[in-house]
Protein backbone atom coordinates (compact mmCIF):
# COMPACT_ATOMS: atom_id res chain seq x y z
CA MET A 1 0.00 0.00 0.00
CA GLY A 2 1.23 3.51 -0.77
CA LYS A 3 2.29 6.24 1.59
CA LYS A 4 -0.55 7.96 3.45
CA ILE A 5 -1.09 11.65 2.81
CA LYS A 6 -2.35 13.84 5.64
CA LEU A 7 -4.94 16.46 4.69
CA THR A 8 -6.33 19.18 6.84
CA LYS A 9 -10.10 19.34 7.12
CA LYS A 10 -10.09 22.43 4.90
CA GLN A 11 -7.98 20.67 2.25
CA PHE A 12 -10.23 17.59 2.40
CA ASN A 13 -13.37 19.68 1.97
CA SER A 14 -11.74 21.49 -0.94
CA VAL A 15 -10.90 18.19 -2.67
CA VAL A 16 -14.43 16.86 -2.12
CA LYS A 17 -16.06 20.04 -3.45
CA GLU A 18 -13.78 20.02 -6.47
CA ALA A 19 -14.46 16.35 -7.15
CA ILE A 20 -18.22 16.82 -7.15
CA GLY A 21 -18.02 20.00 -9.18
CA PHE A 22 -18.92 22.69 -6.65
CA ARG A 23 -15.94 24.83 -7.47
CA ILE A 24 -13.39 25.43 -10.15
CA PRO A 25 -9.85 25.04 -8.79
CA THR A 26 -7.84 28.24 -8.54
CA TYR A 27 -4.37 28.97 -7.32
CA THR A 28 -5.39 31.93 -5.17
CA SER A 29 -6.63 30.22 -2.01
CA GLU A 30 -4.40 27.16 -2.43
CA THR A 31 -1.32 29.37 -2.70
CA GLU A 32 -2.19 31.22 0.50
CA GLU A 33 -2.84 27.91 2.30
CA GLU A 34 0.48 26.44 1.16
CA LEU A 35 2.33 29.64 2.11
CA ASP A 36 0.74 29.49 5.58
CA ALA A 37 1.82 25.84 5.89
CA LEU A 38 5.38 26.76 4.88
CA ILE A 39 5.46 29.59 7.42
CA ASP A 40 4.22 27.21 10.12
CA VAL A 41 6.96 24.69 9.30
CA MET A 42 9.68 27.31 9.19
CA SER A 43 8.64 29.01 12.39
CA GLY A 44 7.67 25.86 14.28
CA PRO A 45 9.53 22.62 13.67
CA ILE A 46 12.68 24.22 12.26
CA SER A 47 12.99 26.58 15.23
CA THR A 48 12.29 23.76 17.66
CA LEU A 49 14.81 21.41 16.06
CA LYS A 50 17.47 24.14 15.99
CA SER A 51 17.08 24.66 19.72
CA GLU A 52 16.92 20.93 20.54
CA LYS A 53 19.73 19.59 18.34
CA SER A 54 23.47 19.92 18.86
CA PHE A 55 25.60 21.26 16.05
CA GLY A 56 28.69 20.05 17.90
CA ASN A 57 32.27 21.09 17.08
CA ASP A 58 32.87 18.85 14.05
CA SER A 59 33.18 21.26 11.13
CA GLU A 60 33.63 18.27 8.80
CA ASN A 61 30.20 16.82 9.67
CA PRO A 62 28.41 16.35 6.28
CA VAL A 63 25.02 17.16 7.78
CA ILE A 64 26.29 20.48 9.16
CA HIS A 65 27.99 21.18 5.84
CA ARG A 66 24.75 20.53 3.90
CA ILE A 67 22.70 22.72 6.24
CA TYR A 68 25.23 25.49 5.65
CA GLN A 69 24.95 25.01 1.88
CA LEU A 70 21.20 25.43 2.12
CA VAL A 71 20.95 28.42 4.44
CA ALA A 72 24.08 30.49 3.75
CA GLU A 73 23.58 33.70 1.80
CA GLY A 74 23.59 32.60 -1.81
CA GLY A 75 22.88 29.00 -0.76
CA GLU A 76 20.20 26.90 -2.42
CA LEU A 77 17.45 27.49 0.12
CA HIS A 78 18.46 31.10 0.66
CA VAL A 79 18.14 31.79 -3.07
CA LEU A 80 14.71 30.14 -3.23
CA VAL A 81 13.44 31.96 -0.14
CA GLN A 82 14.68 35.26 -1.61
CA GLU A 83 12.82 34.45 -4.83
CA LEU A 84 9.68 33.80 -2.78
CA ILE A 85 10.11 37.12 -0.97
CA ASP A 86 10.63 38.96 -4.27
CA LEU A 87 7.51 37.38 -5.75
CA LEU A 88 5.44 38.22 -2.67
CA GLU A 89 6.68 41.81 -2.77
CA SER A 90 5.62 42.09 -6.42
CA LEU A 91 1.98 41.38 -5.54
CA ASP A 92 -0.45 44.27 -5.08
CA ASP A 93 -1.11 45.43 -1.53
CA LYS A 94 -4.40 44.42 0.01
CA ALA A 95 -7.01 47.13 -0.22
CA PRO A 96 -7.82 48.64 3.16
CA ARG A 97 -11.02 47.24 4.59
CA GLN A 98 -13.82 49.72 4.63
CA GLN A 99 -16.42 49.58 7.31
CA LEU A 100 -19.97 48.97 6.23
CA GLY A 101 -22.76 50.84 7.89
CA PHE A 102 -24.51 54.14 8.12
CA LYS A 103 -23.36 57.36 9.66
CA THR A 104 -25.85 58.85 12.05
CA SER A 105 -25.91 62.24 13.59
CA ASN A 106 -27.18 63.23 17.00
CA LYS A 107 -28.88 66.40 15.88
CA GLY A 108 -31.82 67.25 17.93
């Protein structure tokens, strides 16, 4: 049997609605969801593992060397994250939310 894939409830509902034709798939909401998931991973597990794991004193350790290759300025991951930042910056700003309602005056 293949590897199990974990879906959030929101992702599952999205797949079900798409499968039965209630919506046309778009990249807008999926992109925001995936970006949120990436932010959660970067701020959660990566931060936790960094604080829990020992980098030791062995500068020849291949794992330490590979991590450095990924995160150093100009490294593989650094370049991709910078590309992501540049793409996000190129998007239009969100329009300020305007309150709905009526203005009333307290004139006599």
